[in-house]
């Protein structure tokens, strides 16, 4: 009688000893991250007009076809690269308990980040493209402008819920009051964009935003003697 190695038992379906096949496409996510990192570095070093998809592909170690799988143009790639860069800034829409604290937590880390490297020239190029290409303008607003405004909207809605500002506050105008001066200094560089300016800006804007409308109307009335 001969003996041999018994046949290996095939684990039943669902056997925990049998490793599950990997899900998702980790290689694709790794490639996507490499593309965004390479694009951000090249944009900051050379500017949007100089950077090409070929250069990004070479630095990321991927093919051009891989890039075009996610981004049809270098401008849309630049949008995502820039937003991903800024997403690493530790700004949160966390509830600090006050409108002023929430705005400081949102805006000061951002101003430090944009002042640390030449982001202004990338933004200027993207704005120019948005003014000349309606399709790109839609992408620019949806993928770059609105996500940041949504963060600020959440902060102002919390302030209304806390009775810090009037319920009829025009939130869109309030956001413009804050971001307008920040981008003005970022793009024109006529004065420093730093923590001091950001704090002064928030404090000055809040003096108007936190006042009840009837107070402002009363102050505007001519004084009688």
Protein backbone atom coordinates (compact mmCIF):
# COMPACT_ATOMS: atom_id res chain seq x y z
CA UNK A 1 0.00 0.00 0.00
CA UNK A 2 1.47 3.27 -0.99
CA UNK A 3 1.08 6.51 0.84
CA UNK A 4 1.36 9.99 -0.47
CA UNK A 5 0.61 13.53 0.37
CA UNK A 6 -3.12 13.89 0.84
CA UNK A 7 -4.77 16.35 -1.49
CA UNK A 8 -4.97 19.87 -0.09
CA UNK A 9 -8.44 20.75 1.09
CA UNK A 10 -9.92 23.75 -0.68
CA UNK A 11 -11.19 26.23 1.91
CA UNK A 12 -14.91 26.80 1.71
CA UNK A 13 -16.21 30.11 0.54
CA UNK A 14 -15.99 32.70 3.28
CA UNK A 15 -13.24 30.82 5.15
CA UNK A 16 -11.40 33.49 7.16
CA UNK A 17 -8.12 31.71 6.45
CA UNK A 18 -8.54 32.55 2.78
CA UNK A 19 -7.41 36.14 2.09
CA UNK A 20 -9.96 38.22 0.28
CA UNK A 21 -8.95 39.60 -3.08
CA UNK A 22 -7.83 43.23 -2.87
CA UNK A 23 -10.49 45.79 -3.65
CA UNK A 24 -10.14 49.04 -5.47
CA UNK A 25 -7.21 50.19 -7.58
CA UNK A 26 -4.40 51.17 -5.22
CA UNK A 27 -1.97 51.53 -8.11
CA UNK A 28 -4.27 54.04 -9.77
CA UNK A 29 -4.59 56.06 -6.57
CA UNK A 30 -0.81 56.04 -6.13
CA UNK A 31 -0.39 57.25 -9.70
CA UNK A 32 -3.02 59.95 -9.22
CA UNK A 33 -1.27 61.26 -6.13
CA UNK A 34 2.09 61.23 -7.90
CA UNK A 35 0.60 63.26 -10.76
CA UNK A 36 -0.89 65.86 -8.40
CA UNK A 37 2.36 66.18 -6.45
CA UNK A 38 4.44 66.51 -9.62
CA UNK A 39 2.02 69.03 -11.13
CA UNK A 40 1.99 71.19 -7.99
CA UNK A 41 5.79 71.28 -7.77
CA UNK A 42 6.21 72.08 -11.46
CA UNK A 43 3.52 74.77 -11.37
CA UNK A 44 5.10 76.46 -8.37
CA UNK A 45 8.57 76.27 -9.91
CA UNK A 46 7.84 77.15 -13.54
CA UNK A 47 4.32 78.55 -13.78
CA UNK A 48 1.25 77.34 -15.67
CA UNK A 49 2.23 78.52 -19.16
CA UNK A 50 5.55 76.65 -19.10
CA UNK A 51 4.33 73.34 -17.69
CA UNK A 52 3.12 70.67 -20.14
CA UNK A 53 1.42 67.33 -19.70
CA UNK A 54 4.58 65.66 -21.02
CA UNK A 55 6.66 67.26 -18.27
CA UNK A 56 4.18 66.24 -15.58
CA UNK A 57 4.09 62.67 -16.90
CA UNK A 58 7.88 62.47 -16.86
CA UNK A 59 8.18 63.78 -13.29
CA UNK A 60 5.32 61.59 -12.02
CA UNK A 61 6.63 58.46 -13.72
CA UNK A 62 3.40 57.79 -15.59
CA UNK A 63 2.19 57.92 -19.17
CA UNK A 64 0.36 60.89 -20.64
CA UNK A 65 -2.64 58.62 -21.18
CA UNK A 66 -2.80 58.04 -17.43
CA UNK A 67 -3.00 61.79 -16.83
CA UNK A 68 -5.70 62.30 -19.45
CA UNK A 69 -7.75 59.58 -17.78
CA UNK A 70 -8.52 62.09 -15.00
CA UNK A 71 -7.74 65.55 -16.43
CA UNK A 72 -8.60 66.64 -19.99
CA UNK A 73 -6.40 69.77 -19.86
CA UNK A 74 -3.45 71.03 -17.86
CA UNK A 75 -5.65 73.79 -16.47
CA UNK A 76 -8.05 71.31 -14.86
CA UNK A 77 -5.03 69.40 -13.54
CA UNK A 78 -3.71 72.66 -12.10
CA UNK A 79 -7.04 73.26 -10.34
CA UNK A 80 -6.93 69.90 -8.59
CA UNK A 81 -3.21 70.15 -7.83
CA UNK A 82 -3.63 73.56 -6.22
CA UNK A 83 -6.70 72.59 -4.23
CA UNK A 84 -5.00 69.40 -3.03
CA UNK A 85 -1.99 71.46 -1.93
CA UNK A 86 -4.21 73.79 0.06
CA UNK A 87 -6.20 70.89 1.49
CA UNK A 88 -3.10 69.90 3.47
CA UNK A 89 -3.29 73.23 5.31
CA UNK A 90 -4.65 72.56 8.82
CA UNK A 91 -7.65 74.86 8.38
CA UNK A 92 -10.86 73.43 9.74
CA UNK A 93 -14.41 74.62 9.97
CA UNK A 94 -14.43 73.39 13.55
CA UNK A 95 -16.65 75.15 16.04
CA UNK A 96 -14.40 77.27 18.26
CA UNK A 97 -17.43 78.78 19.97
CA UNK A 98 -17.29 82.20 18.30
CA UNK A 99 -17.52 83.55 14.79
CA UNK A 100 -14.21 85.37 15.20
CA UNK A 101 -12.44 82.22 16.39
CA UNK A 102 -13.88 80.17 13.53
CA UNK A 103 -12.75 82.70 10.93
CA UNK A 104 -9.26 82.95 12.39
CA UNK A 105 -9.00 79.14 12.36
CA UNK A 106 -10.05 79.07 8.71
CA UNK A 107 -8.15 82.00 7.23
CA UNK A 108 -4.85 82.36 9.09
CA UNK A 109 -3.48 78.93 8.10
CA UNK A 110 -4.49 79.67 4.49
CA UNK A 111 -2.71 83.04 4.40
CA UNK A 112 0.42 81.44 5.83
CA UNK A 113 0.32 78.75 3.17
CA UNK A 114 -0.27 80.99 0.15
CA UNK A 115 2.48 83.33 1.32
CA UNK A 116 5.02 80.54 1.65
CA UNK A 117 5.40 79.82 -2.09
CA UNK A 118 4.51 81.56 -5.39
CA UNK A 119 0.87 80.46 -5.51
CA UNK A 120 -0.24 83.89 -6.73
CA UNK A 121 1.05 83.40 -10.26
CA UNK A 122 -0.80 80.09 -10.59
CA UNK A 123 -4.05 81.68 -9.40
CA UNK A 124 -3.55 84.63 -11.75
CA UNK A 125 -3.12 82.26 -14.71
CA UNK A 126 -6.21 80.27 -13.74
CA UNK A 127 -8.29 83.44 -13.41
CA UNK A 128 -7.12 84.56 -16.85
CA UNK A 129 -8.12 81.21 -18.32
CA UNK A 130 -11.52 81.36 -16.61
CA UNK A 131 -12.18 84.75 -18.24
CA UNK A 132 -11.41 83.43 -21.72
CA UNK A 133 -12.83 79.89 -21.58
CA UNK A 134 -16.46 79.53 -20.39
CA UNK A 135 -16.18 75.75 -19.97
CA UNK A 136 -13.09 76.12 -17.82
CA UNK A 137 -14.78 78.93 -15.86
CA UNK A 138 -17.46 76.45 -14.80
CA UNK A 139 -14.79 73.98 -13.68
CA UNK A 140 -12.92 76.75 -11.87
CA UNK A 141 -15.96 77.77 -9.86
CA UNK A 142 -17.12 74.23 -9.09
CA UNK A 143 -13.77 72.69 -8.19
CA UNK A 144 -11.87 75.65 -6.73
CA UNK A 145 -14.00 78.62 -5.69
CA UNK A 146 -17.11 76.97 -4.28
CA UNK A 147 -15.42 74.41 -1.97
CA UNK A 148 -13.68 77.22 -0.08
CA UNK A 149 -16.80 79.36 0.05
CA UNK A 150 -18.73 76.36 1.40
CA UNK A 151 -16.34 76.27 4.37
CA UNK A 152 -17.04 79.92 5.12
CA UNK A 153 -20.79 79.46 4.64
CA UNK A 154 -20.82 76.75 7.31
CA UNK A 155 -19.09 79.14 9.72
CA UNK A 156 -21.59 81.95 9.16
CA UNK A 157 -24.57 79.61 9.49
CA UNK A 158 -23.22 78.51 12.87
CA UNK A 159 -22.85 82.14 13.90
CA UNK A 160 -26.51 82.77 13.02
CA UNK A 161 -27.53 79.71 15.06
CA UNK A 162 -25.55 81.13 18.03
CA UNK A 163 -27.27 84.53 17.62
CA UNK A 164 -23.89 86.19 16.99
CA UNK A 165 -25.07 87.83 13.77
CA UNK A 166 -28.54 88.77 12.48
CA UNK A 167 -30.47 85.93 10.80
CA UNK A 168 -30.88 88.00 7.64
CA UNK A 169 -27.12 88.50 7.22
CA UNK A 170 -26.13 88.39 3.56
CA UNK A 171 -23.61 85.56 3.85
CA UNK A 172 -22.38 85.82 0.25
CA UNK A 173 -21.47 89.48 0.71
CA UNK A 174 -19.87 88.71 4.08
CA UNK A 175 -17.64 86.09 2.46
CA UNK A 176 -16.64 88.57 -0.26
CA UNK A 177 -15.76 91.13 2.42
CA UNK A 178 -13.21 88.67 3.76
CA UNK A 179 -11.78 86.94 0.70
CA UNK A 180 -11.72 90.07 -1.49
CA UNK A 181 -8.99 91.88 0.49
CA UNK A 182 -7.03 88.63 0.95
CA UNK A 183 -6.86 87.96 -2.77
CA UNK A 184 -6.20 91.66 -3.44
CA UNK A 185 -3.02 91.51 -1.40
CA UNK A 186 -2.08 88.07 -2.70
CA UNK A 187 -2.30 89.11 -6.36
CA UNK A 188 -1.11 92.74 -6.21
CA UNK A 189 1.53 92.36 -3.48
CA UNK A 190 1.21 96.01 -2.53
CA UNK A 191 1.33 95.12 1.18
CA UNK A 192 2.07 92.04 3.33
CA UNK A 193 -0.41 89.19 3.53
CA UNK A 194 0.21 87.92 7.04
CA UNK A 195 -1.42 87.05 10.37
CA UNK A 196 -1.64 90.68 11.44
CA UNK A 197 -3.51 91.72 8.32
CA UNK A 198 -5.81 88.68 8.48
CA UNK A 199 -6.71 89.39 12.10
CA UNK A 200 -7.28 93.11 11.44
CA UNK A 201 -9.42 92.25 8.41
CA UNK A 202 -11.62 89.85 10.36
CA UNK A 203 -12.06 92.31 13.23
CA UNK A 204 -12.98 95.17 10.90
CA UNK A 205 -15.41 93.06 8.87
CA UNK A 206 -17.10 91.75 12.00
CA UNK A 207 -17.76 95.28 13.27
CA UNK A 208 -20.13 95.68 10.35
CA UNK A 209 -21.43 92.12 10.07
CA UNK A 210 -22.33 91.78 13.75
CA UNK A 211 -24.30 95.01 13.93
CA UNK A 212 -28.06 94.74 13.64
CA UNK A 213 -29.44 96.39 10.48
CA UNK A 214 -31.55 98.88 12.45
CA UNK A 215 -28.41 100.14 14.23
CA UNK A 216 -26.73 100.89 10.92
CA UNK A 217 -29.85 102.65 9.64
CA UNK A 218 -30.10 104.72 12.81
CA UNK A 219 -26.47 105.84 12.47
CA UNK A 220 -27.09 106.86 8.87
CA UNK A 221 -29.97 109.18 9.82
CA UNK A 222 -29.07 112.91 10.02
CA UNK A 223 -28.71 114.16 13.56
CA UNK A 224 -31.17 116.81 14.71
CA UNK A 225 -30.44 119.49 17.25
